[in-house]
Amino acid sequence: MKTNFSIKHVFGVSILSAFFSSYFAIANENSSAEMSNPGIVALYEARYDDAKNAFLAQLKDPASKNEALTYLSKIAMAQDDAEAAVEYIEQALALKPTNADEVALSGDAYCNLAQQSSMFAALKLAKKCIAQYEAAIALDEGHINALASAARFHQTAPGIAGGSSKKGEVLLEHLGTLSPEDANTLKVNLLNTEGDSETALRLADKLKEDKFTSAKNQYEIARFYRDKKRYRDARSLFETMSMHSITIDSKWYIDDSLLQLGELLLLENTDIPKSIALLEEYKQKNRNPFDVHYFWSSWSLAKAYHAAGEPEKYKDLVAKIRSEDYKRDKPFAKEFEAETKSRK
C-alpha cells in the first residue's frame, strides 16, 4: 500500500523540477564543447529516450562514465523511474572522488523515491535524502541548491523523517547570506505553507520589485501569485521569463510559462485565440508524457478549443488523452473524468 507521506521537497513545482535544478553546470546555447555531446543535445531538445541511449553508450568510456551516470539519473527522474534514478546515482557515487553536485543529486533521487514508496520505506529514504543534502553542504558550504534543499526539507518534513525546524532556520539564514533571492523565494513558499499569506505576499512583492536573476525563482513567485489570484502580477512575471538565458537548467521554467500564460487567459476568458496559440506552442515543446504538466496541458488546450466553439478539436484532444496512459496521474484522471462527464 502506498502512503500519502509527503516530503515537501525543494523542487518547488514538483519532483519533475529535480531534473532541471542547477546542480550541474550543464550545456547552454553557447557551450559548443558540451553541445557536441549527442546525449546533451538530445537532452536539450527533450528527446529523453535518445539522450538515455547516448549516455548508456558513453558508460563504456571510463573518462565519461561518471558524467553519463549522473545524466542517466536525471533522465530517469524525468521519466518517472525513481528506482533507476537511485541506481544510476549510486553507481556514480561509487566512482571516486565524488563532488557536491553528485551528492546533492543523490538527495533528489532518494527524496523522489521516498514520495513513491510505502510509509516504512519512505521514512528510511527520507533520512538518506537529508543526509545526502547535508553531505553535499559539508563538501561545499556554498552549494546554493543543496542549502535550499536541506533548508526546505528540515522546515517541512516531520521529525520522524529527519526534519528539524531549528536546523532549517540555520540553513535558511546561511542561504540568505549567499543568495538572498533564493532564500526569500523559499521563505515565500514556507510562509504560504504555514498559512501566513499576507507576509508571503509582501515578500513576493519585494522580490518582484527587485527583479530576478533566476528563472526558477521568478517562475515560482509567478505561480504563487497565480495561486493567490493576483493574475496581473503572475502574467507580468510569466511574460518576461523569456528574458532569461535558455539553458537546460532554465528551459523547463521558460517553456512552462507558455502553459501558465495560456491557462491564465483561459481562466480569465480574456483572449481565447491567444490562449490556444500559447498552449499549442507549449505542446510543441513538451513531448514528455512523464512531465507533471503533460496531460494537464492537453486538457487545458481541449478546454480552450471548447471555449472557442470548436467542438471537433475538443473531441480530438479528449480522444488523444484517452488513448494514452493518463490514469497513472491520479489527480489528473479524477478531474479529467469528472469534467468530461459534465461536458457531455
C-alpha atoms as a PDB file:
ATOM      1  CA  MET A   1       0.000   0.000   0.000  1.00  0.00           C
ATOM      2  CA  LYS A   2       1.356   3.408  -0.974  1.00  0.00           C
ATOM      3  CA  THR A   3       1.339   6.237   1.504  1.00  0.00           C
ATOM      4  CA  ASN A   4       0.473   9.902   1.319  1.00  0.00           C
ATOM      5  CA  PHE A   5       3.661  10.598   3.276  1.00  0.00           C
ATOM      6  CA  SER A   6       4.810  13.930   1.917  1.00  0.00           C
ATOM      7  CA  ILE A   7       8.385  15.113   1.898  1.00  0.00           C
ATOM      8  CA  LYS A   8       7.986  18.732   0.863  1.00  0.00           C
ATOM      9  CA  HIS A   9      10.855  18.872  -1.496  1.00  0.00           C
ATOM     10  CA  VAL A  10      12.913  21.796  -2.702  1.00  0.00           C
ATOM     11  CA  PHE A  11      11.762  21.458  -6.237  1.00  0.00           C
ATOM     12  CA  GLY A  12       9.010  23.991  -5.841  1.00  0.00           C
ATOM     13  CA  VAL A  13       6.877  22.852  -8.740  1.00  0.00           C
ATOM     14  CA  SER A  14       7.171  19.133  -8.088  1.00  0.00           C
ATOM     15  CA  ILE A  15       9.620  16.282  -8.381  1.00  0.00           C
ATOM     16  CA  LEU A  16       9.955  16.983 -12.079  1.00  0.00           C
ATOM     17  CA  SER A  17      11.952  20.066 -11.172  1.00  0.00           C
ATOM     18  CA  ALA A  18      14.695  17.932  -9.732  1.00  0.00           C
ATOM     19  CA  PHE A  19      15.728  17.148 -13.252  1.00  0.00           C
ATOM     20  CA  PHE A  20      16.125  20.825 -14.033  1.00  0.00           C
ATOM     21  CA  SER A  21      17.687  22.054 -10.803  1.00  0.00           C
ATOM     22  CA  SER A  22      21.062  23.668 -11.259  1.00  0.00           C
ATOM     23  CA  TYR A  23      23.255  21.081  -9.583  1.00  0.00           C
ATOM     24  CA  PHE A  24      25.299  20.705 -12.719  1.00  0.00           C
ATOM     25  CA  ALA A  25      26.882  23.340 -14.917  1.00  0.00           C
ATOM     26  CA  ILE A  26      25.401  21.765 -17.987  1.00  0.00           C
ATOM     27  CA  ALA A  27      25.015  22.923 -21.514  1.00  0.00           C
ATOM     28  CA  ASN A  28      23.726  26.283 -22.578  1.00  0.00           C
ATOM     29  CA  GLU A  29      23.164  27.730 -26.010  1.00  0.00           C
ATOM     30  CA  ASN A  30      26.747  28.834 -26.497  1.00  0.00           C
ATOM     31  CA  SER A  31      28.636  25.918 -24.971  1.00  0.00           C
ATOM     32  CA  SER A  32      29.896  24.302 -28.164  1.00  0.00           C
ATOM     33  CA  ALA A  33      32.059  21.724 -26.381  1.00  0.00           C
ATOM     34  CA  GLU A  34      29.179  20.364 -24.341  1.00  0.00           C
ATOM     35  CA  MET A  35      26.713  20.647 -27.217  1.00  0.00           C
ATOM     36  CA  SER A  36      28.942  18.323 -29.249  1.00  0.00           C
ATOM     37  CA  ASN A  37      27.854  15.558 -26.861  1.00  0.00           C
ATOM     38  CA  PRO A  38      24.875  13.832 -28.546  1.00  0.00           C
ATOM     39  CA  GLY A  39      23.356  12.996 -25.176  1.00  0.00           C
ATOM     40  CA  ILE A  40      23.351  16.637 -24.108  1.00  0.00           C
ATOM     41  CA  VAL A  41      21.971  17.763 -27.457  1.00  0.00           C
ATOM     42  CA  ALA A  42      19.119  15.245 -27.166  1.00  0.00           C
ATOM     43  CA  LEU A  43      18.547  16.299 -23.570  1.00  0.00           C
ATOM     44  CA  TYR A  44      18.384  19.961 -24.539  1.00  0.00           C
ATOM     45  CA  GLU A  45      15.773  19.078 -27.156  1.00  0.00           C
ATOM     46  CA  ALA A  46      13.795  16.980 -24.629  1.00  0.00           C
ATOM     47  CA  ARG A  47      14.398  13.752 -26.580  1.00  0.00           C
ATOM     48  CA  TYR A  48      14.806  11.688 -23.437  1.00  0.00           C
ATOM     49  CA  ASP A  49      14.961   8.241 -24.995  1.00  0.00           C
ATOM     50  CA  ASP A  50      17.665   9.379 -27.419  1.00  0.00           C
ATOM     51  CA  ALA A  51      19.553  11.057 -24.573  1.00  0.00           C
ATOM     52  CA  LYS A  52      19.339   7.924 -22.473  1.00  0.00           C
ATOM     53  CA  ASN A  53      20.703   5.752 -25.278  1.00  0.00           C
ATOM     54  CA  ALA A  54      23.541   8.194 -25.905  1.00  0.00           C
ATOM     55  CA  PHE A  55      24.594   8.248 -22.251  1.00  0.00           C
ATOM     56  CA  LEU A  56      24.285   4.468 -21.943  1.00  0.00           C
ATOM     57  CA  ALA A  57      26.768   4.207 -24.808  1.00  0.00           C
ATOM     58  CA  GLN A  58      29.107   6.620 -23.012  1.00  0.00           C
ATOM     59  CA  LEU A  59      29.294   4.300 -19.979  1.00  0.00           C
ATOM     60  CA  LYS A  60      31.835   2.231 -21.910  1.00  0.00           C
ATOM     61  CA  ASP A  61      34.373   5.059 -21.701  1.00  0.00           C
ATOM     62  CA  PRO A  62      35.888   5.358 -18.186  1.00  0.00           C
ATOM     63  CA  ALA A  63      36.537   9.056 -18.794  1.00  0.00           C
ATOM     64  CA  SER A  64      32.849   9.815 -19.365  1.00  0.00           C
ATOM     65  CA  LYS A  65      31.251   7.143 -17.164  1.00  0.00           C
ATOM     66  CA  ASN A  66      30.704   9.303 -14.092  1.00  0.00           C
ATOM     67  CA  GLU A  67      29.102  12.156 -16.017  1.00  0.00           C
ATOM     68  CA  ALA A  68      26.961   9.726 -18.024  1.00  0.00           C
ATOM     69  CA  LEU A  69      25.655   8.096 -14.841  1.00  0.00           C
ATOM     70  CA  THR A  70      24.614  11.436 -13.363  1.00  0.00           C
ATOM     71  CA  TYR A  71      22.762  12.365 -16.537  1.00  0.00           C
ATOM     72  CA  LEU A  72      21.103   8.947 -16.627  1.00  0.00           C
ATOM     73  CA  SER A  73      19.911   9.507 -13.070  1.00  0.00           C
ATOM     74  CA  LYS A  74      18.384  12.833 -14.052  1.00  0.00           C
ATOM     75  CA  ILE A  75      16.738  11.325 -17.126  1.00  0.00           C
ATOM     76  CA  ALA A  76      15.284   8.529 -15.013  1.00  0.00           C
ATOM     77  CA  MET A  77      13.717  11.116 -12.714  1.00  0.00           C
ATOM     78  CA  ALA A  78      12.313  12.988 -15.693  1.00  0.00           C
ATOM     79  CA  GLN A  79      10.789   9.718 -16.934  1.00  0.00           C
ATOM     80  CA  ASP A  80       9.311   8.880 -13.530  1.00  0.00           C
ATOM     81  CA  ASP A  81      11.601   5.921 -12.894  1.00  0.00           C
ATOM     82  CA  ALA A  82      12.628   6.653  -9.310  1.00  0.00           C
ATOM     83  CA  GLU A  83      14.333   3.321  -8.687  1.00  0.00           C
ATOM     84  CA  ALA A  84      16.537   3.622 -11.765  1.00  0.00           C
ATOM     85  CA  ALA A  85      17.450   7.181 -10.763  1.00  0.00           C
ATOM     86  CA  VAL A  86      18.739   5.917  -7.418  1.00  0.00           C
ATOM     87  CA  GLU A  87      20.625   3.034  -9.043  1.00  0.00           C
ATOM     88  CA  TYR A  88      22.413   5.315 -11.505  1.00  0.00           C
ATOM     89  CA  ILE A  89      23.447   7.947  -8.966  1.00  0.00           C
ATOM     90  CA  GLU A  90      24.637   5.301  -6.503  1.00  0.00           C
ATOM     91  CA  GLN A  91      26.857   3.898  -9.248  1.00  0.00           C
ATOM     92  CA  ALA A  92      28.199   7.404  -9.853  1.00  0.00           C
ATOM     93  CA  LEU A  93      28.924   7.892  -6.156  1.00  0.00           C
ATOM     94  CA  ALA A  94      30.846   4.608  -6.119  1.00  0.00           C
ATOM     95  CA  LEU A  95      33.317   6.138  -8.591  1.00  0.00           C
ATOM     96  CA  LYS A  96      35.716   8.194  -6.502  1.00  0.00           C
ATOM     97  CA  PRO A  97      36.192  11.034  -5.965  1.00  0.00           C
ATOM     98  CA  THR A  98      32.660  12.386  -5.614  1.00  0.00           C
ATOM     99  CA  ASN A  99      31.630  16.033  -5.594  1.00  0.00           C
ATOM    100  CA  ALA A 100      28.882  18.092  -4.001  1.00  0.00           C
ATOM    101  CA  ASP A 101      26.817  18.130  -7.207  1.00  0.00           C
ATOM    102  CA  GLU A 102      26.586  14.351  -7.353  1.00  0.00           C
ATOM    103  CA  VAL A 103      25.870  14.026  -3.641  1.00  0.00           C
ATOM    104  CA  ALA A 104      23.101  16.635  -3.860  1.00  0.00           C
ATOM    105  CA  LEU A 105      21.609  14.839  -6.848  1.00  0.00           C
ATOM    106  CA  SER A 106      21.523  11.634  -4.813  1.00  0.00           C
ATOM    107  CA  GLY A 107      19.474  13.553  -2.247  1.00  0.00           C
ATOM    108  CA  ASP A 108      16.997  14.401  -5.013  1.00  0.00           C
ATOM    109  CA  ALA A 109      16.856  10.771  -6.065  1.00  0.00           C
ATOM    110  CA  TYR A 110      16.218   9.464  -2.547  1.00  0.00           C
ATOM    111  CA  CYS A 111      13.501  12.058  -1.879  1.00  0.00           C
ATOM    112  CA  ASN A 112      11.954  11.273  -5.252  1.00  0.00           C
ATOM    113  CA  LEU A 113      11.813   7.552  -4.473  1.00  0.00           C
ATOM    114  CA  ALA A 114      10.520   8.255  -0.950  1.00  0.00           C
ATOM    115  CA  GLN A 115       7.475  10.018  -2.387  1.00  0.00           C
ATOM    116  CA  GLN A 116       6.593   6.861  -4.287  1.00  0.00           C
ATOM    117  CA  SER A 117       7.239   4.350  -1.508  1.00  0.00           C
ATOM    118  CA  SER A 118       5.375   2.752   1.384  1.00  0.00           C
ATOM    119  CA  MET A 119       5.498   4.540   4.750  1.00  0.00           C
ATOM    120  CA  PHE A 120       8.324   2.455   6.246  1.00  0.00           C
ATOM    121  CA  ALA A 121      10.488   2.674   3.132  1.00  0.00           C
ATOM    122  CA  ALA A 122       9.688   6.376   2.708  1.00  0.00           C
ATOM    123  CA  LEU A 123      10.944   7.207   6.198  1.00  0.00           C
ATOM    124  CA  LYS A 124      14.257   5.419   5.587  1.00  0.00           C
ATOM    125  CA  LEU A 125      14.685   7.084   2.208  1.00  0.00           C
ATOM    126  CA  ALA A 126      13.823  10.494   3.637  1.00  0.00           C
ATOM    127  CA  LYS A 127      16.625  10.176   6.156  1.00  0.00           C
ATOM    128  CA  LYS A 128      19.002   9.198   3.355  1.00  0.00           C
ATOM    129  CA  CYS A 129      17.794  12.202   1.379  1.00  0.00           C
ATOM    130  CA  ILE A 130      18.558  14.784   4.059  1.00  0.00           C
ATOM    131  CA  ALA A 131      21.826  13.050   4.937  1.00  0.00           C
ATOM    132  CA  GLN A 132      22.973  13.457   1.345  1.00  0.00           C
ATOM    133  CA  TYR A 133      22.000  17.122   1.199  1.00  0.00           C
ATOM    134  CA  GLU A 134      23.964  17.716   4.383  1.00  0.00           C
ATOM    135  CA  ALA A 135      26.899  15.728   3.000  1.00  0.00           C
ATOM    136  CA  ALA A 136      26.854  17.940  -0.105  1.00  0.00           C
ATOM    137  CA  ILE A 137      26.969  21.039   2.104  1.00  0.00           C
ATOM    138  CA  ALA A 138      29.885  19.541   4.039  1.00  0.00           C
ATOM    139  CA  LEU A 139      31.741  19.214   0.738  1.00  0.00           C
ATOM    140  CA  ASP A 140      30.769  22.709  -0.390  1.00  0.00           C
ATOM    141  CA  GLU A 141      29.347  25.151   2.173  1.00  0.00           C
ATOM    142  CA  GLY A 142      28.357  27.500  -0.639  1.00  0.00           C
ATOM    143  CA  HIS A 143      26.317  24.966  -2.612  1.00  0.00           C
ATOM    144  CA  ILE A 144      23.145  27.021  -3.095  1.00  0.00           C
ATOM    145  CA  ASN A 145      20.855  24.229  -4.227  1.00  0.00           C
ATOM    146  CA  ALA A 146      21.963  21.799  -1.526  1.00  0.00           C
ATOM    147  CA  LEU A 147      21.414  24.517   1.072  1.00  0.00           C
ATOM    148  CA  ALA A 148      17.944  25.317  -0.277  1.00  0.00           C
ATOM    149  CA  SER A 149      17.062  21.620  -0.466  1.00  0.00           C
ATOM    150  CA  ALA A 150      18.212  20.926   3.074  1.00  0.00           C
ATOM    151  CA  ALA A 151      16.541  24.056   4.469  1.00  0.00           C
ATOM    152  CA  ARG A 152      13.190  23.211   2.908  1.00  0.00           C
ATOM    153  CA  PHE A 153      13.433  19.591   3.990  1.00  0.00           C
ATOM    154  CA  HIS A 154      14.158  20.493   7.608  1.00  0.00           C
ATOM    155  CA  GLN A 155      11.440  23.145   7.699  1.00  0.00           C
ATOM    156  CA  THR A 156       8.717  20.932   6.273  1.00  0.00           C
ATOM    157  CA  ALA A 157       9.483  17.249   6.885  1.00  0.00           C
ATOM    158  CA  PRO A 158       8.340  15.730  10.195  1.00  0.00           C
ATOM    159  CA  GLY A 159      10.922  14.850  12.830  1.00  0.00           C
ATOM    160  CA  ILE A 160      10.310  11.143  12.295  1.00  0.00           C
ATOM    161  CA  ALA A 161      11.591  11.612   8.736  1.00  0.00           C
ATOM    162  CA  GLY A 162      14.641  13.595   9.829  1.00  0.00           C
ATOM    163  CA  GLY A 163      13.251  17.123   9.712  1.00  0.00           C
ATOM    164  CA  SER A 164      14.331  19.763  12.242  1.00  0.00           C
ATOM    165  CA  SER A 165      12.936  23.305  12.176  1.00  0.00           C
ATOM    166  CA  LYS A 166      15.952  24.594  14.110  1.00  0.00           C
ATOM    167  CA  LYS A 167      18.380  23.179  11.558  1.00  0.00           C
ATOM    168  CA  GLY A 168      16.181  24.549   8.807  1.00  0.00           C
ATOM    169  CA  GLU A 169      16.326  28.062  10.258  1.00  0.00           C
ATOM    170  CA  VAL A 170      20.126  27.940  10.489  1.00  0.00           C
ATOM    171  CA  LEU A 171      20.443  26.726   6.902  1.00  0.00           C
ATOM    172  CA  LEU A 172      17.969  29.302   5.623  1.00  0.00           C
ATOM    173  CA  GLU A 173      19.884  32.089   7.364  1.00  0.00           C
ATOM    174  CA  HIS A 174      23.138  30.872   5.798  1.00  0.00           C
ATOM    175  CA  LEU A 175      21.466  30.656   2.396  1.00  0.00           C
ATOM    176  CA  GLY A 176      20.325  34.254   2.833  1.00  0.00           C
ATOM    177  CA  THR A 177      23.913  35.437   3.229  1.00  0.00           C
ATOM    178  CA  LEU A 178      24.886  33.752  -0.042  1.00  0.00           C
ATOM    179  CA  SER A 179      21.790  34.278  -2.174  1.00  0.00           C
ATOM    180  CA  PRO A 180      19.024  36.484  -0.751  1.00  0.00           C
ATOM    181  CA  GLU A 181      16.872  35.794  -3.811  1.00  0.00           C
ATOM    182  CA  ASP A 182      16.945  32.029  -3.306  1.00  0.00           C
ATOM    183  CA  ALA A 183      16.370  32.378   0.437  1.00  0.00           C
ATOM    184  CA  ASN A 184      13.451  34.791   0.036  1.00  0.00           C
ATOM    185  CA  THR A 185      11.813  32.678  -2.672  1.00  0.00           C
ATOM    186  CA  LEU A 186      11.971  29.722  -0.327  1.00  0.00           C
ATOM    187  CA  LYS A 187      10.589  31.874   2.502  1.00  0.00           C
ATOM    188  CA  VAL A 188       7.583  32.844   0.373  1.00  0.00           C
ATOM    189  CA  ASN A 189       6.749  29.180  -0.143  1.00  0.00           C
ATOM    190  CA  LEU A 190       7.294  28.328   3.517  1.00  0.00           C
ATOM    191  CA  LEU A 191       5.205  31.252   4.772  1.00  0.00           C
ATOM    192  CA  ASN A 192       2.422  30.346   2.386  1.00  0.00           C
ATOM    193  CA  THR A 193       2.510  26.714   3.539  1.00  0.00           C
ATOM    194  CA  GLU A 194       2.275  27.899   7.131  1.00  0.00           C
ATOM    195  CA  GLY A 195      -0.797  29.985   6.290  1.00  0.00           C
ATOM    196  CA  ASP A 196       0.814  33.433   6.529  1.00  0.00           C
ATOM    197  CA  SER A 197      -0.258  34.602   3.077  1.00  0.00           C
ATOM    198  CA  GLU A 198      -0.048  38.296   3.944  1.00  0.00           C
ATOM    199  CA  THR A 199       3.643  38.193   4.850  1.00  0.00           C
ATOM    200  CA  ALA A 200       4.345  35.883   1.916  1.00  0.00           C
ATOM    201  CA  LEU A 201       2.712  38.357  -0.485  1.00  0.00           C
ATOM    202  CA  ARG A 202       4.716  41.279   0.889  1.00  0.00           C
ATOM    203  CA  LEU A 203       7.941  39.341   0.421  1.00  0.00           C
ATOM    204  CA  ALA A 204       6.888  38.269  -3.083  1.00  0.00           C
ATOM    205  CA  ASP A 205       6.174  41.890  -3.984  1.00  0.00           C
ATOM    206  CA  LYS A 206       9.666  42.880  -2.849  1.00  0.00           C
ATOM    207  CA  LEU A 207      11.234  40.105  -4.913  1.00  0.00           C
ATOM    208  CA  LYS A 208       9.237  41.196  -7.965  1.00  0.00           C
ATOM    209  CA  GLU A 209      10.310  44.803  -7.497  1.00  0.00           C
ATOM    210  CA  ASP A 210      13.993  43.864  -7.153  1.00  0.00           C
ATOM    211  CA  LYS A 211      13.885  41.729 -10.338  1.00  0.00           C
ATOM    212  CA  PHE A 212      15.048  38.120 -10.622  1.00  0.00           C
ATOM    213  CA  THR A 213      18.358  36.615 -11.642  1.00  0.00           C
ATOM    214  CA  SER A 214      16.981  33.044 -11.547  1.00  0.00           C
ATOM    215  CA  ALA A 215      14.338  31.757 -13.962  1.00  0.00           C
ATOM    216  CA  LYS A 216      13.313  29.138 -11.407  1.00  0.00           C
ATOM    217  CA  ASN A 217      12.735  31.716  -8.678  1.00  0.00           C
ATOM    218  CA  GLN A 218      10.784  34.007 -10.997  1.00  0.00           C
ATOM    219  CA  TYR A 219       8.621  31.095 -12.108  1.00  0.00           C
ATOM    220  CA  GLU A 220       7.907  30.027  -8.521  1.00  0.00           C
ATOM    221  CA  ILE A 221       6.833  33.518  -7.473  1.00  0.00           C
ATOM    222  CA  ALA A 222       4.675  33.816 -10.599  1.00  0.00           C
ATOM    223  CA  ARG A 223       2.970  30.545  -9.672  1.00  0.00           C
ATOM    224  CA  PHE A 224       2.497  31.845  -6.143  1.00  0.00           C
ATOM    225  CA  TYR A 225       0.777  34.973  -7.491  1.00  0.00           C
ATOM    226  CA  ARG A 226      -1.425  32.851  -9.708  1.00  0.00           C
ATOM    227  CA  ASP A 227      -2.481  30.684  -6.759  1.00  0.00           C
ATOM    228  CA  LYS A 228      -3.333  33.861  -4.827  1.00  0.00           C
ATOM    229  CA  LYS A 229      -5.378  35.135  -7.799  1.00  0.00           C
ATOM    230  CA  ARG A 230      -3.004  38.044  -8.351  1.00  0.00           C
ATOM    231  CA  TYR A 231      -3.285  37.363 -12.069  1.00  0.00           C
ATOM    232  CA  ARG A 232      -1.812  40.631 -13.329  1.00  0.00           C
ATOM    233  CA  ASP A 233       1.366  40.106 -11.301  1.00  0.00           C
ATOM    234  CA  ALA A 234       1.536  36.475 -12.368  1.00  0.00           C
ATOM    235  CA  ARG A 235       1.192  37.399 -16.040  1.00  0.00           C
ATOM    236  CA  SER A 236       3.885  40.063 -15.876  1.00  0.00           C
ATOM    237  CA  LEU A 237       6.374  37.549 -14.470  1.00  0.00           C
ATOM    238  CA  PHE A 238       5.444  34.744 -16.841  1.00  0.00           C
ATOM    239  CA  GLU A 239       5.600  37.122 -19.831  1.00  0.00           C
ATOM    240  CA  THR A 240       9.164  38.180 -19.016  1.00  0.00           C
ATOM    241  CA  MET A 241      10.511  34.667 -18.422  1.00  0.00           C
ATOM    242  CA  SER A 242      11.887  34.673 -21.963  1.00  0.00           C
ATOM    243  CA  MET A 243      14.404  37.342 -20.922  1.00  0.00           C
ATOM    244  CA  HIS A 244      16.384  34.690 -19.039  1.00  0.00           C
ATOM    245  CA  SER A 245      19.112  32.816 -20.890  1.00  0.00           C
ATOM    246  CA  ILE A 246      17.952  29.413 -22.078  1.00  0.00           C
ATOM    247  CA  THR A 247      19.949  26.607 -20.515  1.00  0.00           C
ATOM    248  CA  ILE A 248      18.972  23.068 -19.602  1.00  0.00           C
ATOM    249  CA  ASP A 249      18.539  24.414 -16.073  1.00  0.00           C
ATOM    250  CA  SER A 250      16.163  27.217 -17.086  1.00  0.00           C
ATOM    251  CA  LYS A 251      14.490  25.726 -20.150  1.00  0.00           C
ATOM    252  CA  TRP A 252      11.671  23.898 -18.362  1.00  0.00           C
ATOM    253  CA  TYR A 253      10.609  27.016 -16.464  1.00  0.00           C
ATOM    254  CA  ILE A 254      10.724  29.227 -19.551  1.00  0.00           C
ATOM    255  CA  ASP A 255       8.767  26.712 -21.632  1.00  0.00           C
ATOM    256  CA  ASP A 256       6.224  26.063 -18.887  1.00  0.00           C
ATOM    257  CA  SER A 257       5.493  29.778 -18.692  1.00  0.00           C
ATOM    258  CA  LEU A 258       3.768  29.416 -22.062  1.00  0.00           C
ATOM    259  CA  LEU A 259       1.387  26.932 -20.458  1.00  0.00           C
ATOM    260  CA  GLN A 260       0.839  29.185 -17.448  1.00  0.00           C
ATOM    261  CA  LEU A 261       0.044  32.208 -19.627  1.00  0.00           C
ATOM    262  CA  GLY A 262      -2.285  30.181 -21.830  1.00  0.00           C
ATOM    263  CA  GLU A 263      -4.128  28.869 -18.796  1.00  0.00           C
ATOM    264  CA  LEU A 264      -4.411  32.354 -17.264  1.00  0.00           C
ATOM    265  CA  LEU A 265      -6.013  33.720 -20.431  1.00  0.00           C
ATOM    266  CA  LEU A 266      -8.383  30.757 -20.472  1.00  0.00           C
ATOM    267  CA  LEU A 267      -9.175  31.211 -16.799  1.00  0.00           C
ATOM    268  CA  GLU A 268      -9.936  34.897 -17.251  1.00  0.00           C
ATOM    269  CA  ASN A 269     -11.653  34.302 -20.615  1.00  0.00           C
ATOM    270  CA  THR A 270      -9.957  37.419 -21.990  1.00  0.00           C
ATOM    271  CA  ASP A 271      -8.290  36.206 -25.195  1.00  0.00           C
ATOM    272  CA  ILE A 272      -9.110  32.616 -26.118  1.00  0.00           C
ATOM    273  CA  PRO A 273      -7.331  32.676 -29.522  1.00  0.00           C
ATOM    274  CA  LYS A 274      -4.102  33.800 -27.837  1.00  0.00           C
ATOM    275  CA  SER A 275      -4.628  31.174 -25.131  1.00  0.00           C
ATOM    276  CA  ILE A 276      -4.861  28.499 -27.827  1.00  0.00           C
ATOM    277  CA  ALA A 277      -1.736  29.796 -29.582  1.00  0.00           C
ATOM    278  CA  LEU A 278       0.280  29.725 -26.352  1.00  0.00           C
ATOM    279  CA  LEU A 279      -0.948  26.256 -25.402  1.00  0.00           C
ATOM    280  CA  GLU A 280      -0.218  24.896 -28.885  1.00  0.00           C
ATOM    281  CA  GLU A 281       3.291  26.357 -28.721  1.00  0.00           C
ATOM    282  CA  TYR A 282       3.803  24.752 -25.329  1.00  0.00           C
ATOM    283  CA  LYS A 283       2.634  21.357 -26.579  1.00  0.00           C
ATOM    284  CA  GLN A 284       5.267  21.526 -29.317  1.00  0.00           C
ATOM    285  CA  LYS A 285       7.951  21.982 -26.659  1.00  0.00           C
ATOM    286  CA  ASN A 286       6.761  19.450 -24.092  1.00  0.00           C
ATOM    287  CA  ARG A 287       6.554  15.957 -25.547  1.00  0.00           C
ATOM    288  CA  ASN A 288       7.497  14.149 -22.356  1.00  0.00           C
ATOM    289  CA  PRO A 289       4.479  12.044 -21.257  1.00  0.00           C
ATOM    290  CA  PHE A 290       6.003  11.793 -17.771  1.00  0.00           C
ATOM    291  CA  ASP A 291       6.102  15.539 -17.269  1.00  0.00           C
ATOM    292  CA  VAL A 292       3.754  16.636 -14.482  1.00  0.00           C
ATOM    293  CA  HIS A 293       2.017  19.066 -16.834  1.00  0.00           C
ATOM    294  CA  TYR A 294       1.835  16.854 -19.921  1.00  0.00           C
ATOM    295  CA  PHE A 295      -1.781  15.740 -19.534  1.00  0.00           C
ATOM    296  CA  TRP A 296      -2.943  18.915 -17.817  1.00  0.00           C
ATOM    297  CA  SER A 297      -1.746  20.991 -20.770  1.00  0.00           C
ATOM    298  CA  SER A 298      -3.584  18.763 -23.250  1.00  0.00           C
ATOM    299  CA  TRP A 299      -6.739  19.151 -21.196  1.00  0.00           C
ATOM    300  CA  SER A 300      -6.304  22.947 -20.983  1.00  0.00           C
ATOM    301  CA  LEU A 301      -5.905  23.091 -24.746  1.00  0.00           C
ATOM    302  CA  ALA A 302      -9.027  20.978 -25.188  1.00  0.00           C
ATOM    303  CA  LYS A 303     -10.995  23.327 -22.935  1.00  0.00           C
ATOM    304  CA  ALA A 304      -9.659  26.348 -24.836  1.00  0.00           C
ATOM    305  CA  TYR A 305     -10.928  24.891 -28.122  1.00  0.00           C
ATOM    306  CA  HIS A 306     -14.255  24.151 -26.439  1.00  0.00           C
ATOM    307  CA  ALA A 307     -14.447  27.789 -25.294  1.00  0.00           C
ATOM    308  CA  ALA A 308     -13.608  28.902 -28.854  1.00  0.00           C
ATOM    309  CA  GLY A 309     -16.574  26.949 -30.211  1.00  0.00           C
ATOM    310  CA  GLU A 310     -14.524  24.245 -31.937  1.00  0.00           C
ATOM    311  CA  PRO A 311     -16.088  21.015 -30.614  1.00  0.00           C
ATOM    312  CA  GLU A 312     -14.298  18.703 -33.058  1.00  0.00           C
ATOM    313  CA  LYS A 313     -10.862  19.815 -31.927  1.00  0.00           C
ATOM    314  CA  TYR A 314     -12.045  19.442 -28.344  1.00  0.00           C
ATOM    315  CA  LYS A 315     -13.196  15.873 -29.033  1.00  0.00           C
ATOM    316  CA  ASP A 316      -9.955  15.018 -30.838  1.00  0.00           C
ATOM    317  CA  LEU A 317      -7.853  16.146 -27.877  1.00  0.00           C
ATOM    318  CA  VAL A 318     -10.042  14.293 -25.390  1.00  0.00           C
ATOM    319  CA  ALA A 319      -9.697  11.156 -27.519  1.00  0.00           C
ATOM    320  CA  LYS A 320      -5.914  11.604 -27.656  1.00  0.00           C
ATOM    321  CA  ILE A 321      -5.730  11.878 -23.865  1.00  0.00           C
ATOM    322  CA  ARG A 322      -7.845   8.742 -23.513  1.00  0.00           C
ATOM    323  CA  SER A 323      -5.521   6.889 -25.892  1.00  0.00           C
ATOM    324  CA  GLU A 324      -2.563   7.499 -23.547  1.00  0.00           C
ATOM    325  CA  ASP A 325      -1.760   6.281 -20.055  1.00  0.00           C
ATOM    326  CA  TYR A 326      -3.343   9.281 -18.329  1.00  0.00           C
ATOM    327  CA  LYS A 327      -4.670   7.265 -15.376  1.00  0.00           C
ATOM    328  CA  ARG A 328      -1.207   6.957 -13.848  1.00  0.00           C
ATOM    329  CA  ASP A 329      -1.616  10.653 -12.962  1.00  0.00           C
ATOM    330  CA  LYS A 330      -4.366  10.089 -10.414  1.00  0.00           C
ATOM    331  CA  PRO A 331      -5.207  13.753  -9.620  1.00  0.00           C
ATOM    332  CA  PHE A 332      -5.435  14.498 -13.339  1.00  0.00           C
ATOM    333  CA  ALA A 333      -7.500  11.401 -14.083  1.00  0.00           C
ATOM    334  CA  LYS A 334     -10.006  12.305 -11.365  1.00  0.00           C
ATOM    335  CA  GLU A 335     -10.539  15.840 -12.680  1.00  0.00           C
ATOM    336  CA  PHE A 336     -10.486  14.809 -16.335  1.00  0.00           C
ATOM    337  CA  GLU A 337     -13.118  12.104 -15.894  1.00  0.00           C
ATOM    338  CA  ALA A 338     -15.388  14.352 -13.834  1.00  0.00           C
ATOM    339  CA  GLU A 339     -15.175  17.320 -16.193  1.00  0.00           C
ATOM    340  CA  THR A 340     -15.525  15.396 -19.449  1.00  0.00           C
ATOM    341  CA  LYS A 341     -18.586  13.714 -17.994  1.00  0.00           C
ATOM    342  CA  SER A 342     -20.100  17.061 -17.040  1.00  0.00           C
ATOM    343  CA  ARG A 343     -19.484  18.488 -20.537  1.00  0.00           C
ATOM    344  CA  LYS A 344     -21.437  15.748 -22.306  1.00  0.00           C
END
